Every structure is written in structure tokens, then in C-alpha cells.
Amino acid sequence: MFGKKIRTPEEIVNKCHAALERLRVDRSSTKDEESCTKYFGEMRSALLGEGPNATEAAVQTLVKEANKVGLIGQIVSHLPYLPFETRKDAAAVFNCIVRTPVNGHDIVAEELSKIRKFCKQLRVDMKILMWR
């Protein structure tokens, strides 16, 4: 009767994007950390072929939506501030989103290769992570 709600890929990505935006403003929000943990877990299971959103069409929709809202950049900039277990899911989501082709094109990898700012931010954030 009170089963787990199945969210659409667009809904998962948009809710995760919104939770990460709220975390950017207030890093001490445990509610938003928990939301990120939940949404990254759902995205990870869908992208790895587990769970109700594991169809190829749903995965491609998730990748398109993540690219549209800039989720990859958010993952990189927020990774140092997420709990350890959430970081593992976020890293898996990042990897899958970048490597998943949509209609034969690696849209996210192609987009990222055009953005120098992203690469610079990635280097800065990785240095921060290494010093923690």
C-alpha cells in the first residue's frame, strides 16, 4: 500500500540538482544531504541497470536531463562537501553519465571537452579533496 515511489529520470535529476543548489547556499543542511544521498542512489541504480528506472530509454533520458541542467559540474564542485558514502554514489553517477552514449553520441563527454572552465574547476576540486 505504501510502496516506494518510482520517480521519472527527469524528476530524479531535477530534485538532485535542486538539493545540490540548496547545499551550495547552506552546507550544514542535513535534509539536503540526505536528499542528495537518496537521489544519487536512485540515479546510480538506474544507470547501472538495477531498479525500476533501468530501461535504456530511461537511462538516456536521465543522461540528457543531467547534461541539460549541468549536474556534472555540480557533482564536481560539491563532491568535497558530501558525506563519504554519497561521494561514492556521486562518483559512480558521474562516471556513468559521462560514459553513457545517447543515440550513438557521447553527448556529455563531447560537451565537457568544449568547456575549459570545467577542467580548471575539476583540478581545483581534486586538490581540495586530496588535502582533506
Protein backbone atom coordinates (compact mmCIF):
# COMPACT_ATOMS: atom_id res chain seq x y z
CA MET A 1 0.00 0.00 0.00
CA PHE A 2 2.74 2.47 0.95
CA GLY A 3 5.39 1.30 -1.51
CA LYS A 4 8.40 3.20 -2.70
CA LYS A 5 7.53 5.98 -5.13
CA ILE A 6 9.01 5.46 -8.57
CA ARG A 7 10.31 8.78 -9.89
CA THR A 8 10.89 9.64 -13.52
CA PRO A 9 14.50 10.24 -14.61
CA GLU A 10 13.76 13.93 -15.12
CA GLU A 11 12.33 14.19 -11.62
CA ILE A 12 15.33 12.48 -10.03
CA VAL A 13 17.83 14.72 -11.82
CA ASN A 14 15.89 17.93 -11.14
CA LYS A 15 15.39 17.12 -7.46
CA CYS A 16 19.09 16.27 -7.05
CA HIS A 17 20.02 19.48 -8.87
CA ALA A 18 17.77 21.50 -6.54
CA ALA A 19 19.15 19.79 -3.41
CA LEU A 20 22.72 20.50 -4.53
CA GLU A 21 21.81 24.15 -5.16
CA ARG A 22 20.38 24.42 -1.64
CA LEU A 23 23.55 22.81 -0.26
CA ARG A 24 25.61 25.42 -2.07
CA VAL A 25 23.83 28.09 -0.03
CA ASP A 26 23.65 26.21 3.29
CA ARG A 27 26.31 23.50 3.64
CA SER A 28 25.01 22.48 7.08
CA SER A 29 21.60 21.32 5.82
CA THR A 30 21.31 17.65 6.77
CA LYS A 31 17.95 17.37 4.99
CA ASP A 32 19.54 18.34 1.68
CA GLU A 33 22.48 15.99 2.29
CA GLU A 34 20.01 13.16 2.86
CA SER A 35 18.10 14.14 -0.29
CA CYS A 36 21.32 14.09 -2.32
CA THR A 37 22.16 10.68 -0.90
CA LYS A 38 18.75 9.35 -1.90
CA TYR A 39 18.78 10.83 -5.42
CA PHE A 40 22.38 9.80 -6.18
CA GLY A 41 21.49 6.27 -5.05
CA GLU A 42 18.46 6.19 -7.34
CA MET A 43 20.46 7.54 -10.28
CA ARG A 44 23.27 5.07 -9.64
CA SER A 45 20.92 2.09 -9.60
CA ALA A 46 19.20 3.24 -12.81
CA LEU A 47 22.47 3.91 -14.62
CA LEU A 48 23.94 0.56 -13.58
CA GLY A 49 20.86 -1.36 -14.73
CA GLU A 50 19.30 -2.03 -11.33
CA GLY A 51 15.86 -0.94 -10.18
CA PRO A 52 12.67 0.27 -11.86
CA ASN A 53 14.28 3.06 -13.94
CA ALA A 54 16.83 0.77 -15.56
CA THR A 55 15.45 0.77 -19.10
CA GLU A 56 17.66 2.07 -21.88
CA ALA A 57 15.21 4.87 -22.69
CA ALA A 58 15.09 5.98 -19.05
CA VAL A 59 18.89 5.95 -18.80
CA GLN A 60 19.22 8.05 -21.95
CA THR A 61 16.60 10.48 -20.63
CA LEU A 62 18.49 10.72 -17.34
CA VAL A 63 21.75 11.47 -19.16
CA LYS A 64 20.11 14.13 -21.36
CA GLU A 65 18.47 15.81 -18.38
CA ALA A 66 21.70 15.73 -16.34
CA ASN A 67 23.52 17.35 -19.25
CA LYS A 68 20.78 19.95 -19.65
CA VAL A 69 20.81 21.10 -16.00
CA GLY A 70 24.60 20.93 -15.57
CA LEU A 71 24.60 18.15 -12.99
CA ILE A 72 28.13 17.04 -13.88
CA GLY A 73 29.59 20.40 -12.88
CA GLN A 74 27.58 20.39 -9.68
CA ILE A 75 28.84 16.94 -8.76
CA VAL A 76 32.43 18.09 -9.20
CA SER A 77 32.02 21.27 -7.19
CA HIS A 78 30.03 19.67 -4.35
CA LEU A 79 31.91 16.39 -4.02
CA PRO A 80 34.24 17.56 -1.22
CA TYR A 81 31.24 18.57 0.91
CA LEU A 82 29.17 15.39 0.57
CA PRO A 83 29.28 12.50 3.07
CA PHE A 84 31.67 9.68 2.18
CA GLU A 85 29.02 7.13 1.12
CA THR A 86 27.28 9.76 -1.01
CA ARG A 87 30.60 10.60 -2.68
CA LYS A 88 30.90 7.01 -3.84
CA ASP A 89 27.44 7.12 -5.43
CA ALA A 90 28.11 10.57 -6.90
CA ALA A 91 31.37 9.34 -8.45
CA ALA A 92 29.59 6.34 -9.97
CA VAL A 93 26.84 8.62 -11.33
CA PHE A 94 29.45 10.99 -12.77
CA ASN A 95 31.26 8.10 -14.46
CA CYS A 96 28.09 6.58 -15.92
CA ILE A 97 26.69 9.91 -17.14
CA VAL A 98 29.93 10.84 -18.89
CA ARG A 99 30.32 7.41 -20.50
CA THR A 100 26.72 6.63 -21.49
CA PRO A 101 26.08 7.26 -25.19
CA VAL A 102 22.77 8.78 -26.27
CA ASN A 103 21.74 7.83 -29.81
CA GLY A 104 25.32 6.83 -30.58
CA HIS A 105 26.90 10.07 -29.32
CA ASP A 106 28.75 10.68 -26.07
CA ILE A 107 26.90 13.95 -25.55
CA VAL A 108 28.26 14.72 -22.09
CA ALA A 109 31.87 13.88 -22.94
CA GLU A 110 31.60 16.00 -26.11
CA GLU A 111 30.12 18.88 -24.14
CA LEU A 112 32.78 18.68 -21.44
CA SER A 113 35.60 18.66 -23.96
CA LYS A 114 34.40 22.10 -25.10
CA ILE A 115 34.42 23.63 -21.64
CA ARG A 116 37.81 24.77 -20.33
CA LYS A 117 36.30 26.22 -17.17
CA PHE A 118 35.02 22.79 -16.16
CA CYS A 119 38.51 21.28 -16.47
CA LYS A 120 40.02 24.04 -14.34
CA GLN A 121 37.35 23.57 -11.66
CA LEU A 122 37.93 19.83 -11.70
CA ARG A 123 41.65 20.33 -10.97
CA VAL A 124 40.93 22.76 -8.12
CA ASP A 125 38.31 20.50 -6.54
CA MET A 126 40.55 17.44 -6.79
CA LYS A 127 43.33 19.33 -4.98
CA ILE A 128 40.87 20.22 -2.22
CA LEU A 129 39.84 16.56 -1.90
CA MET A 130 43.45 15.41 -1.71
CA TRP A 131 44.20 17.78 1.17
CA ARG A 132 41.19 16.72 3.28
